[in-house]
């Protein structure tokens, strides 16, 4: 006997107080409904309904068991919803990307992950620290983060060094044609993400600029858009790995001498789908 189906008969008849209306509500004929109720009563060993010319009414046993029937049906529906969520999660790849890479690179990463895995991809764009935490606690499957960084319990994948361009105010003396000598930017602040977003990578960048003769104070910019706006005001310069980042009043130039790469790393949880880590690293290497 399909107990849940027969319990739905009980609830419908109890609420409608009429076999015909209950059958219509359930989308079935009345005879199978009546027969099903009698089979259930036989199995339970109790009469659930008084049937008379005035209609149908639950017996004392029926009134006592009705809330239990409703609870079982509600629990069954909740179980089905939970199972559906798990099934949906199994068809979903949760991808994180550090905001510094920009929308075009993020889109390429998501598209490649979808093509390799055949899964629906849900992208998240945020800070390195938040992404590593999410991979470590299992709320993300894989992410591209700034390197170096503390990985917590996330697994480390390939490191890729991406080229960066210098964004500087268009009216700055160093904004002429050709590569920019970094020490010519002394006096400008560096528009970059706050240290809390990626402490180790932040410190490495400042140390690199210092050794290149360009000691700079960091002007915290919570997003690439904020960094670009600070450059446009004339008070700061920025280094970006996003090939599409730019604005009126902002000059984009290559750094002179040795490059100042933005290093990123693919990190992932255990059990990530086969091939996705290498696929993401491949997209990054294409950009490099």
C-alpha atoms as a PDB file:
ATOM      1  CA  UNK A   1       0.000   0.000   0.000  1.00  0.00           C
ATOM      2  CA  UNK A   2       1.180   3.516  -0.851  1.00  0.00           C
ATOM      3  CA  UNK A   3       0.658   4.844   2.657  1.00  0.00           C
ATOM      4  CA  UNK A   4       1.314   8.499   1.827  1.00  0.00           C
ATOM      5  CA  UNK A   5      -1.129   8.429  -1.075  1.00  0.00           C
ATOM      6  CA  UNK A   6      -3.808   6.880   1.099  1.00  0.00           C
ATOM      7  CA  UNK A   7      -3.156   9.415   3.855  1.00  0.00           C
ATOM      8  CA  UNK A   8      -3.758  12.139   1.276  1.00  0.00           C
ATOM      9  CA  UNK A   9      -7.179  10.534   0.753  1.00  0.00           C
ATOM     10  CA  UNK A  10      -7.874  10.872   4.487  1.00  0.00           C
ATOM     11  CA  UNK A  11      -6.918  14.550   4.563  1.00  0.00           C
ATOM     12  CA  UNK A  12      -8.924  15.402   1.443  1.00  0.00           C
ATOM     13  CA  UNK A  13     -12.084  13.643   2.636  1.00  0.00           C
ATOM     14  CA  UNK A  14     -11.777  15.119   6.135  1.00  0.00           C
ATOM     15  CA  UNK A  15     -11.458  18.632   4.731  1.00  0.00           C
ATOM     16  CA  UNK A  16     -14.083  18.331   1.993  1.00  0.00           C
ATOM     17  CA  UNK A  17     -16.565  16.231   4.013  1.00  0.00           C
ATOM     18  CA  UNK A  18     -17.676  14.745   0.701  1.00  0.00           C
ATOM     19  CA  UNK A  19     -16.263  11.878  -1.388  1.00  0.00           C
ATOM     20  CA  UNK A  20     -17.102  13.488  -4.715  1.00  0.00           C
ATOM     21  CA  UNK A  21     -15.426  16.803  -3.910  1.00  0.00           C
ATOM     22  CA  UNK A  22     -12.424  15.020  -2.371  1.00  0.00           C
ATOM     23  CA  UNK A  23     -12.034  12.869  -5.495  1.00  0.00           C
ATOM     24  CA  UNK A  24     -12.217  15.931  -7.742  1.00  0.00           C
ATOM     25  CA  UNK A  25      -9.613  17.705  -5.611  1.00  0.00           C
ATOM     26  CA  UNK A  26      -7.298  14.706  -5.908  1.00  0.00           C
ATOM     27  CA  UNK A  27      -7.923  14.363  -9.642  1.00  0.00           C
ATOM     28  CA  UNK A  28      -9.358  10.876  -9.474  1.00  0.00           C
ATOM     29  CA  UNK A  29     -12.669   9.054  -9.673  1.00  0.00           C
ATOM     30  CA  UNK A  30     -14.751   8.547  -6.558  1.00  0.00           C
ATOM     31  CA  UNK A  31     -14.846   4.698  -6.488  1.00  0.00           C
ATOM     32  CA  UNK A  32     -11.020   4.279  -6.206  1.00  0.00           C
ATOM     33  CA  UNK A  33     -11.017   6.907  -3.454  1.00  0.00           C
ATOM     34  CA  UNK A  34     -13.678   5.054  -1.449  1.00  0.00           C
ATOM     35  CA  UNK A  35     -11.940   1.717  -2.012  1.00  0.00           C
ATOM     36  CA  UNK A  36      -8.593   3.168  -0.995  1.00  0.00           C
ATOM     37  CA  UNK A  37      -9.997   4.503   2.253  1.00  0.00           C
ATOM     38  CA  UNK A  38     -11.538   1.142   3.079  1.00  0.00           C
ATOM     39  CA  UNK A  39      -8.201  -0.606   2.437  1.00  0.00           C
ATOM     40  CA  UNK A  40      -6.469   1.878   4.736  1.00  0.00           C
ATOM     41  CA  UNK A  41      -9.074   1.392   7.448  1.00  0.00           C
ATOM     42  CA  UNK A  42      -8.646  -2.373   7.138  1.00  0.00           C
ATOM     43  CA  UNK A  43      -4.892  -2.063   7.444  1.00  0.00           C
ATOM     44  CA  UNK A  44      -5.085   0.260  10.467  1.00  0.00           C
ATOM     45  CA  UNK A  45      -7.886  -1.715  12.084  1.00  0.00           C
ATOM     46  CA  UNK A  46     -10.045   1.383  12.737  1.00  0.00           C
ATOM     47  CA  UNK A  47     -12.914   3.166  11.027  1.00  0.00           C
ATOM     48  CA  UNK A  48     -11.806   6.666  10.106  1.00  0.00           C
ATOM     49  CA  UNK A  49     -15.078   8.075   8.755  1.00  0.00           C
ATOM     50  CA  UNK A  50     -18.775   7.799   9.458  1.00  0.00           C
ATOM     51  CA  UNK A  51     -20.575   7.575   6.145  1.00  0.00           C
ATOM     52  CA  UNK A  52     -24.182   8.631   6.081  1.00  0.00           C
ATOM     53  CA  UNK A  53     -26.817  10.401   4.008  1.00  0.00           C
ATOM     54  CA  UNK A  54     -25.802  13.687   5.559  1.00  0.00           C
ATOM     55  CA  UNK A  55     -22.229  13.365   4.320  1.00  0.00           C
ATOM     56  CA  UNK A  56     -18.904  12.153   5.681  1.00  0.00           C
ATOM     57  CA  UNK A  57     -17.528  12.938   9.127  1.00  0.00           C
ATOM     58  CA  UNK A  58     -14.356  11.719  10.860  1.00  0.00           C
ATOM     59  CA  UNK A  59     -14.815   9.292  13.703  1.00  0.00           C
ATOM     60  CA  UNK A  60     -13.041   9.833  17.020  1.00  0.00           C
ATOM     61  CA  UNK A  61     -10.163   7.739  15.683  1.00  0.00           C
ATOM     62  CA  UNK A  62     -10.206   9.747  12.454  1.00  0.00           C
ATOM     63  CA  UNK A  63     -10.049  13.043  14.342  1.00  0.00           C
ATOM     64  CA  UNK A  64      -7.141  11.759  16.436  1.00  0.00           C
ATOM     65  CA  UNK A  65      -5.168  10.435  13.469  1.00  0.00           C
ATOM     66  CA  UNK A  66      -5.838  13.369  11.095  1.00  0.00           C
ATOM     67  CA  UNK A  67      -3.111  15.677  12.520  1.00  0.00           C
ATOM     68  CA  UNK A  68      -0.646  12.796  12.320  1.00  0.00           C
ATOM     69  CA  UNK A  69      -1.597  12.180   8.704  1.00  0.00           C
ATOM     70  CA  UNK A  70      -1.075  15.857   7.869  1.00  0.00           C
ATOM     71  CA  UNK A  71       2.307  15.831   9.653  1.00  0.00           C
ATOM     72  CA  UNK A  72       3.474  12.773   7.724  1.00  0.00           C
ATOM     73  CA  UNK A  73       2.460  14.334   4.417  1.00  0.00           C
ATOM     74  CA  UNK A  74       4.198  17.605   5.289  1.00  0.00           C
ATOM     75  CA  UNK A  75       7.356  15.730   6.322  1.00  0.00           C
ATOM     76  CA  UNK A  76       7.297  13.799   3.056  1.00  0.00           C
ATOM     77  CA  UNK A  77       7.034  17.034   1.077  1.00  0.00           C
ATOM     78  CA  UNK A  78       9.889  18.552   3.095  1.00  0.00           C
ATOM     79  CA  UNK A  79      12.012  15.482   2.422  1.00  0.00           C
ATOM     80  CA  UNK A  80      11.318  15.743  -1.304  1.00  0.00           C
ATOM     81  CA  UNK A  81      12.259  19.434  -1.308  1.00  0.00           C
ATOM     82  CA  UNK A  82      15.501  18.720   0.561  1.00  0.00           C
ATOM     83  CA  UNK A  83      16.351  15.899  -1.841  1.00  0.00           C
ATOM     84  CA  UNK A  84      15.705  18.227  -4.779  1.00  0.00           C
ATOM     85  CA  UNK A  85      18.091  20.791  -3.306  1.00  0.00           C
ATOM     86  CA  UNK A  86      20.786  18.129  -2.988  1.00  0.00           C
ATOM     87  CA  UNK A  87      20.163  16.976  -6.536  1.00  0.00           C
ATOM     88  CA  UNK A  88      20.380  20.566  -7.767  1.00  0.00           C
ATOM     89  CA  UNK A  89      23.635  21.109  -5.855  1.00  0.00           C
ATOM     90  CA  UNK A  90      25.108  18.033  -7.532  1.00  0.00           C
ATOM     91  CA  UNK A  91      24.442  19.683 -10.910  1.00  0.00           C
ATOM     92  CA  UNK A  92      26.012  22.980  -9.830  1.00  0.00           C
ATOM     93  CA  UNK A  93      29.636  24.134  -9.770  1.00  0.00           C
ATOM     94  CA  UNK A  94      30.171  26.999  -7.345  1.00  0.00           C
ATOM     95  CA  UNK A  95      33.018  29.117  -8.713  1.00  0.00           C
ATOM     96  CA  UNK A  96      34.713  32.038  -6.974  1.00  0.00           C
ATOM     97  CA  UNK A  97      36.848  34.677  -8.681  1.00  0.00           C
ATOM     98  CA  UNK A  98      38.828  37.473  -7.068  1.00  0.00           C
ATOM     99  CA  UNK A  99      37.398  40.839  -8.116  1.00  0.00           C
ATOM    100  CA  UNK A 100      40.751  42.132  -9.452  1.00  0.00           C
ATOM    101  CA  UNK A 101      40.461  39.944 -12.561  1.00  0.00           C
ATOM    102  CA  UNK A 102      37.504  41.880 -13.943  1.00  0.00           C
ATOM    103  CA  UNK A 103      34.250  40.830 -15.602  1.00  0.00           C
ATOM    104  CA  UNK A 104      35.645  39.587 -18.917  1.00  0.00           C
ATOM    105  CA  UNK A 105      38.110  37.168 -17.326  1.00  0.00           C
ATOM    106  CA  UNK A 106      35.482  36.060 -14.829  1.00  0.00           C
ATOM    107  CA  UNK A 107      33.120  35.283 -17.705  1.00  0.00           C
ATOM    108  CA  UNK A 108      35.794  33.266 -19.525  1.00  0.00           C
ATOM    109  CA  UNK A 109      36.546  31.275 -16.393  1.00  0.00           C
ATOM    110  CA  UNK A 110      32.866  30.497 -15.833  1.00  0.00           C
ATOM    111  CA  UNK A 111      32.307  29.531 -19.476  1.00  0.00           C
ATOM    112  CA  UNK A 112      35.310  27.199 -19.527  1.00  0.00           C
ATOM    113  CA  UNK A 113      34.254  25.558 -16.251  1.00  0.00           C
ATOM    114  CA  UNK A 114      30.767  24.960 -17.640  1.00  0.00           C
ATOM    115  CA  UNK A 115      32.145  23.505 -20.881  1.00  0.00           C
ATOM    116  CA  UNK A 116      34.535  21.130 -19.110  1.00  0.00           C
ATOM    117  CA  UNK A 117      32.168  19.867 -16.415  1.00  0.00           C
ATOM    118  CA  UNK A 118      28.796  20.078 -18.151  1.00  0.00           C
ATOM    119  CA  UNK A 119      27.459  21.641 -14.949  1.00  0.00           C
ATOM    120  CA  UNK A 120      25.589  24.851 -14.301  1.00  0.00           C
ATOM    121  CA  UNK A 121      28.098  27.370 -12.893  1.00  0.00           C
ATOM    122  CA  UNK A 122      27.239  29.810 -10.106  1.00  0.00           C
ATOM    123  CA  UNK A 123      29.941  32.510  -9.948  1.00  0.00           C
ATOM    124  CA  UNK A 124      30.858  34.570  -6.883  1.00  0.00           C
ATOM    125  CA  UNK A 125      33.146  37.604  -7.132  1.00  0.00           C
ATOM    126  CA  UNK A 126      34.668  38.822  -3.877  1.00  0.00           C
ATOM    127  CA  UNK A 127      37.922  39.090  -1.918  1.00  0.00           C
ATOM    128  CA  UNK A 128      40.668  36.500  -1.660  1.00  0.00           C
ATOM    129  CA  UNK A 129      40.142  35.968   2.068  1.00  0.00           C
ATOM    130  CA  UNK A 130      36.396  35.459   1.608  1.00  0.00           C
ATOM    131  CA  UNK A 131      36.951  33.045  -1.286  1.00  0.00           C
ATOM    132  CA  UNK A 132      39.471  30.910   0.597  1.00  0.00           C
ATOM    133  CA  UNK A 133      37.134  30.776   3.595  1.00  0.00           C
ATOM    134  CA  UNK A 134      34.239  29.707   1.329  1.00  0.00           C
ATOM    135  CA  UNK A 135      36.267  26.931  -0.324  1.00  0.00           C
ATOM    136  CA  UNK A 136      37.500  25.780   3.089  1.00  0.00           C
ATOM    137  CA  UNK A 137      34.008  25.511   4.530  1.00  0.00           C
ATOM    138  CA  UNK A 138      32.578  23.922   1.377  1.00  0.00           C
ATOM    139  CA  UNK A 139      30.282  26.730   0.236  1.00  0.00           C
ATOM    140  CA  UNK A 140      32.421  27.123  -2.908  1.00  0.00           C
ATOM    141  CA  UNK A 141      33.901  24.293  -4.966  1.00  0.00           C
ATOM    142  CA  UNK A 142      36.783  26.100  -6.638  1.00  0.00           C
ATOM    143  CA  UNK A 143      38.127  29.649  -6.766  1.00  0.00           C
ATOM    144  CA  UNK A 144      40.791  31.828  -8.327  1.00  0.00           C
ATOM    145  CA  UNK A 145      42.466  33.935  -5.624  1.00  0.00           C
ATOM    146  CA  UNK A 146      45.418  36.275  -5.224  1.00  0.00           C
ATOM    147  CA  UNK A 147      48.735  34.598  -4.435  1.00  0.00           C
ATOM    148  CA  UNK A 148      50.331  34.288  -1.940  1.00  0.00           C
ATOM    149  CA  UNK A 149      47.633  33.651   0.618  1.00  0.00           C
ATOM    150  CA  UNK A 150      46.957  31.329   3.543  1.00  0.00           C
ATOM    151  CA  UNK A 151      44.887  28.439   2.180  1.00  0.00           C
ATOM    152  CA  UNK A 152      43.251  27.237   5.428  1.00  0.00           C
ATOM    153  CA  UNK A 153      41.858  23.785   4.488  1.00  0.00           C
ATOM    154  CA  UNK A 154      41.496  24.577   0.766  1.00  0.00           C
ATOM    155  CA  UNK A 155      43.660  22.637  -1.673  1.00  0.00           C
ATOM    156  CA  UNK A 156      46.192  24.612  -3.687  1.00  0.00           C
ATOM    157  CA  UNK A 157      46.362  24.333  -7.456  1.00  0.00           C
ATOM    158  CA  UNK A 158      48.497  26.031 -10.104  1.00  0.00           C
ATOM    159  CA  UNK A 159      49.894  29.548  -9.680  1.00  0.00           C
ATOM    160  CA  UNK A 160      49.788  31.816 -12.740  1.00  0.00           C
ATOM    161  CA  UNK A 161      51.534  35.200 -13.062  1.00  0.00           C
ATOM    162  CA  UNK A 162      49.346  37.658 -14.982  1.00  0.00           C
ATOM    163  CA  UNK A 163      50.790  40.791 -16.570  1.00  0.00           C
ATOM    164  CA  UNK A 164      49.658  44.105 -15.161  1.00  0.00           C
ATOM    165  CA  UNK A 165      49.258  47.541 -16.676  1.00  0.00           C
ATOM    166  CA  UNK A 166      49.774  50.844 -14.893  1.00  0.00           C
ATOM    167  CA  UNK A 167      46.753  53.133 -14.631  1.00  0.00           C
ATOM    168  CA  UNK A 168      47.729  56.715 -13.926  1.00  0.00           C
ATOM    169  CA  UNK A 169      46.119  60.133 -14.235  1.00  0.00           C
ATOM    170  CA  UNK A 170      46.170  61.239 -17.876  1.00  0.00           C
ATOM    171  CA  UNK A 171      47.646  64.596 -16.873  1.00  0.00           C
ATOM    172  CA  UNK A 172      50.564  63.124 -14.946  1.00  0.00           C
ATOM    173  CA  UNK A 173      54.044  63.797 -16.393  1.00  0.00           C
ATOM    174  CA  UNK A 174      54.687  60.044 -16.664  1.00  0.00           C
ATOM    175  CA  UNK A 175      51.554  59.528 -18.786  1.00  0.00           C
ATOM    176  CA  UNK A 176      53.307  60.204 -22.081  1.00  0.00           C
ATOM    177  CA  UNK A 177      53.801  57.540 -24.741  1.00  0.00           C
ATOM    178  CA  UNK A 178      55.738  54.414 -23.891  1.00  0.00           C
ATOM    179  CA  UNK A 179      56.229  52.379 -20.728  1.00  0.00           C
ATOM    180  CA  UNK A 180      56.090  54.031 -17.322  1.00  0.00           C
ATOM    181  CA  UNK A 181      59.106  54.006 -15.034  1.00  0.00           C
ATOM    182  CA  UNK A 182      57.589  53.189 -11.673  1.00  0.00           C
ATOM    183  CA  UNK A 183      59.783  55.527  -9.661  1.00  0.00           C
ATOM    184  CA  UNK A 184      58.280  58.385 -11.688  1.00  0.00           C
ATOM    185  CA  UNK A 185      55.061  57.740  -9.783  1.00  0.00           C
ATOM    186  CA  UNK A 186      56.532  58.661  -6.417  1.00  0.00           C
ATOM    187  CA  UNK A 187      54.161  61.009  -4.694  1.00  0.00           C
ATOM    188  CA  UNK A 188      51.027  59.222  -5.871  1.00  0.00           C
ATOM    189  CA  UNK A 189      49.204  56.814  -3.618  1.00  0.00           C
ATOM    190  CA  UNK A 190      48.620  53.252  -4.804  1.00  0.00           C
ATOM    191  CA  UNK A 191      44.920  52.552  -5.318  1.00  0.00           C
ATOM    192  CA  UNK A 192      44.626  48.922  -4.337  1.00  0.00           C
ATOM    193  CA  UNK A 193      42.384  46.600  -2.377  1.00  0.00           C
ATOM    194  CA  UNK A 194      42.555  46.960   1.407  1.00  0.00           C
ATOM    195  CA  UNK A 195      45.127  44.741   3.095  1.00  0.00           C
ATOM    196  CA  UNK A 196      42.349  42.718   4.771  1.00  0.00           C
ATOM    197  CA  UNK A 197      41.247  41.443   1.338  1.00  0.00           C
ATOM    198  CA  UNK A 198      44.547  39.571   0.748  1.00  0.00           C
ATOM    199  CA  UNK A 199      47.197  40.430   3.356  1.00  0.00           C
ATOM    200  CA  UNK A 200      50.161  38.504   1.945  1.00  0.00           C
ATOM    201  CA  UNK A 201      49.605  39.613  -1.658  1.00  0.00           C
ATOM    202  CA  UNK A 202      49.071  43.216  -0.505  1.00  0.00           C
ATOM    203  CA  UNK A 203      52.370  43.255   1.417  1.00  0.00           C
ATOM    204  CA  UNK A 204      54.253  41.634  -1.461  1.00  0.00           C
ATOM    205  CA  UNK A 205      53.020  44.298  -3.884  1.00  0.00           C
ATOM    206  CA  UNK A 206      54.109  47.169  -1.644  1.00  0.00           C
ATOM    207  CA  UNK A 207      57.517  45.531  -1.078  1.00  0.00           C
ATOM    208  CA  UNK A 208      57.942  45.060  -4.838  1.00  0.00           C
ATOM    209  CA  UNK A 209      57.175  48.706  -5.539  1.00  0.00           C
ATOM    210  CA  UNK A 210      59.558  49.782  -2.789  1.00  0.00           C
ATOM    211  CA  UNK A 211      62.411  47.786  -4.344  1.00  0.00           C
ATOM    212  CA  UNK A 212      61.580  49.381  -7.710  1.00  0.00           C
ATOM    213  CA  UNK A 213      62.108  52.861  -6.264  1.00  0.00           C
ATOM    214  CA  UNK A 214      58.403  53.623  -5.856  1.00  0.00           C
ATOM    215  CA  UNK A 215      57.502  53.479  -2.180  1.00  0.00           C
ATOM    216  CA  UNK A 216      53.780  54.151  -2.030  1.00  0.00           C
ATOM    217  CA  UNK A 217      51.119  54.489   0.591  1.00  0.00           C
ATOM    218  CA  UNK A 218      48.076  52.335  -0.060  1.00  0.00           C
ATOM    219  CA  UNK A 219      44.782  54.082  -0.759  1.00  0.00           C
ATOM    220  CA  UNK A 220      42.225  51.405   0.036  1.00  0.00           C
ATOM    221  CA  UNK A 221      39.835  50.712  -2.833  1.00  0.00           C
ATOM    222  CA  UNK A 222      37.242  48.035  -2.091  1.00  0.00           C
ATOM    223  CA  UNK A 223      36.743  47.288  -5.798  1.00  0.00           C
ATOM    224  CA  UNK A 224      38.494  47.875  -9.133  1.00  0.00           C
ATOM    225  CA  UNK A 225      35.878  50.544  -9.877  1.00  0.00           C
ATOM    226  CA  UNK A 226      36.873  52.440  -6.736  1.00  0.00           C
ATOM    227  CA  UNK A 227      40.557  52.148  -7.664  1.00  0.00           C
ATOM    228  CA  UNK A 228      39.818  53.522 -11.129  1.00  0.00           C
ATOM    229  CA  UNK A 229      37.885  56.422  -9.631  1.00  0.00           C
ATOM    230  CA  UNK A 230      40.807  57.291  -7.336  1.00  0.00           C
ATOM    231  CA  UNK A 231      43.158  57.328 -10.324  1.00  0.00           C
ATOM    232  CA  UNK A 232      40.766  59.557 -12.249  1.00  0.00           C
ATOM    233  CA  UNK A 233      40.891  62.134  -9.439  1.00  0.00           C
ATOM    234  CA  UNK A 234      44.631  62.514  -9.990  1.00  0.00           C
ATOM    235  CA  UNK A 235      45.613  61.351  -6.512  1.00  0.00           C
ATOM    236  CA  UNK A 236      46.629  57.758  -7.181  1.00  0.00           C
ATOM    237  CA  UNK A 237      47.891  55.174  -9.621  1.00  0.00           C
ATOM    238  CA  UNK A 238      46.920  51.526  -9.867  1.00  0.00           C
ATOM    239  CA  UNK A 239      48.203  48.242 -11.226  1.00  0.00           C
ATOM    240  CA  UNK A 240      45.610  46.054 -12.919  1.00  0.00           C
ATOM    241  CA  UNK A 241      45.463  42.636 -14.513  1.00  0.00           C
ATOM    242  CA  UNK A 242      42.060  43.464 -16.013  1.00  0.00           C
ATOM    243  CA  UNK A 243      42.627  44.261 -19.707  1.00  0.00           C
ATOM    244  CA  UNK A 244      39.321  46.117 -19.887  1.00  0.00           C
ATOM    245  CA  UNK A 245      39.748  48.460 -16.933  1.00  0.00           C
ATOM    246  CA  UNK A 246      39.971  52.109 -17.985  1.00  0.00           C
ATOM    247  CA  UNK A 247      38.160  55.440 -18.063  1.00  0.00           C
ATOM    248  CA  UNK A 248      38.340  58.943 -19.454  1.00  0.00           C
ATOM    249  CA  UNK A 249      41.103  60.863 -17.740  1.00  0.00           C
ATOM    250  CA  UNK A 250      43.052  57.695 -17.027  1.00  0.00           C
ATOM    251  CA  UNK A 251      46.118  56.626 -19.023  1.00  0.00           C
ATOM    252  CA  UNK A 252      46.952  52.936 -19.373  1.00  0.00           C
ATOM    253  CA  UNK A 253      50.619  52.123 -19.839  1.00  0.00           C
ATOM    254  CA  UNK A 254      52.964  49.165 -19.505  1.00  0.00           C
ATOM    255  CA  UNK A 255      55.479  49.276 -16.639  1.00  0.00           C
ATOM    256  CA  UNK A 256      59.072  49.808 -17.743  1.00  0.00           C
ATOM    257  CA  UNK A 257      61.654  47.182 -16.862  1.00  0.00           C
ATOM    258  CA  UNK A 258      60.735  43.971 -15.124  1.00  0.00           C
ATOM    259  CA  UNK A 259      57.000  43.264 -15.028  1.00  0.00           C
ATOM    260  CA  UNK A 260      54.985  43.569 -11.832  1.00  0.00           C
ATOM    261  CA  UNK A 261      52.794  40.487 -12.176  1.00  0.00           C
ATOM    262  CA  UNK A 262      49.523  39.828 -10.390  1.00  0.00           C
ATOM    263  CA  UNK A 263      49.887  36.259  -9.223  1.00  0.00           C
ATOM    264  CA  UNK A 264      46.752  34.184  -8.858  1.00  0.00           C
ATOM    265  CA  UNK A 265      46.173  30.631  -7.750  1.00  0.00           C
ATOM    266  CA  UNK A 266      43.407  28.109  -8.314  1.00  0.00           C
ATOM    267  CA  UNK A 267      42.228  26.670  -4.993  1.00  0.00           C
ATOM    268  CA  UNK A 268      39.609  23.983  -4.552  1.00  0.00           C
ATOM    269  CA  UNK A 269      37.867  21.656  -2.125  1.00  0.00           C
ATOM    270  CA  UNK A 270      38.296  17.890  -2.112  1.00  0.00           C
ATOM    271  CA  UNK A 271      36.188  16.112  -4.701  1.00  0.00           C
ATOM    272  CA  UNK A 272      36.006  18.964  -7.213  1.00  0.00           C
ATOM    273  CA  UNK A 273      34.989  17.669 -10.690  1.00  0.00           C
ATOM    274  CA  UNK A 274      37.831  16.271 -12.786  1.00  0.00           C
ATOM    275  CA  UNK A 275      39.490  18.691 -15.149  1.00  0.00           C
ATOM    276  CA  UNK A 276      38.056  21.913 -13.766  1.00  0.00           C
ATOM    277  CA  UNK A 277      41.241  23.035 -11.956  1.00  0.00           C
ATOM    278  CA  UNK A 278      43.387  22.565 -15.064  1.00  0.00           C
ATOM    279  CA  UNK A 279      40.734  24.217 -17.221  1.00  0.00           C
ATOM    280  CA  UNK A 280      40.681  27.340 -15.052  1.00  0.00           C
ATOM    281  CA  UNK A 281      44.470  27.459 -14.980  1.00  0.00           C
ATOM    282  CA  UNK A 282      44.421  27.207 -18.776  1.00  0.00           C
ATOM    283  CA  UNK A 283      42.188  30.267 -19.070  1.00  0.00           C
ATOM    284  CA  UNK A 284      44.543  32.195 -16.794  1.00  0.00           C
ATOM    285  CA  UNK A 285      47.615  31.124 -18.790  1.00  0.00           C
ATOM    286  CA  UNK A 286      45.928  32.331 -21.975  1.00  0.00           C
ATOM    287  CA  UNK A 287      45.665  35.740 -20.332  1.00  0.00           C
ATOM    288  CA  UNK A 288      49.298  35.575 -19.327  1.00  0.00           C
END
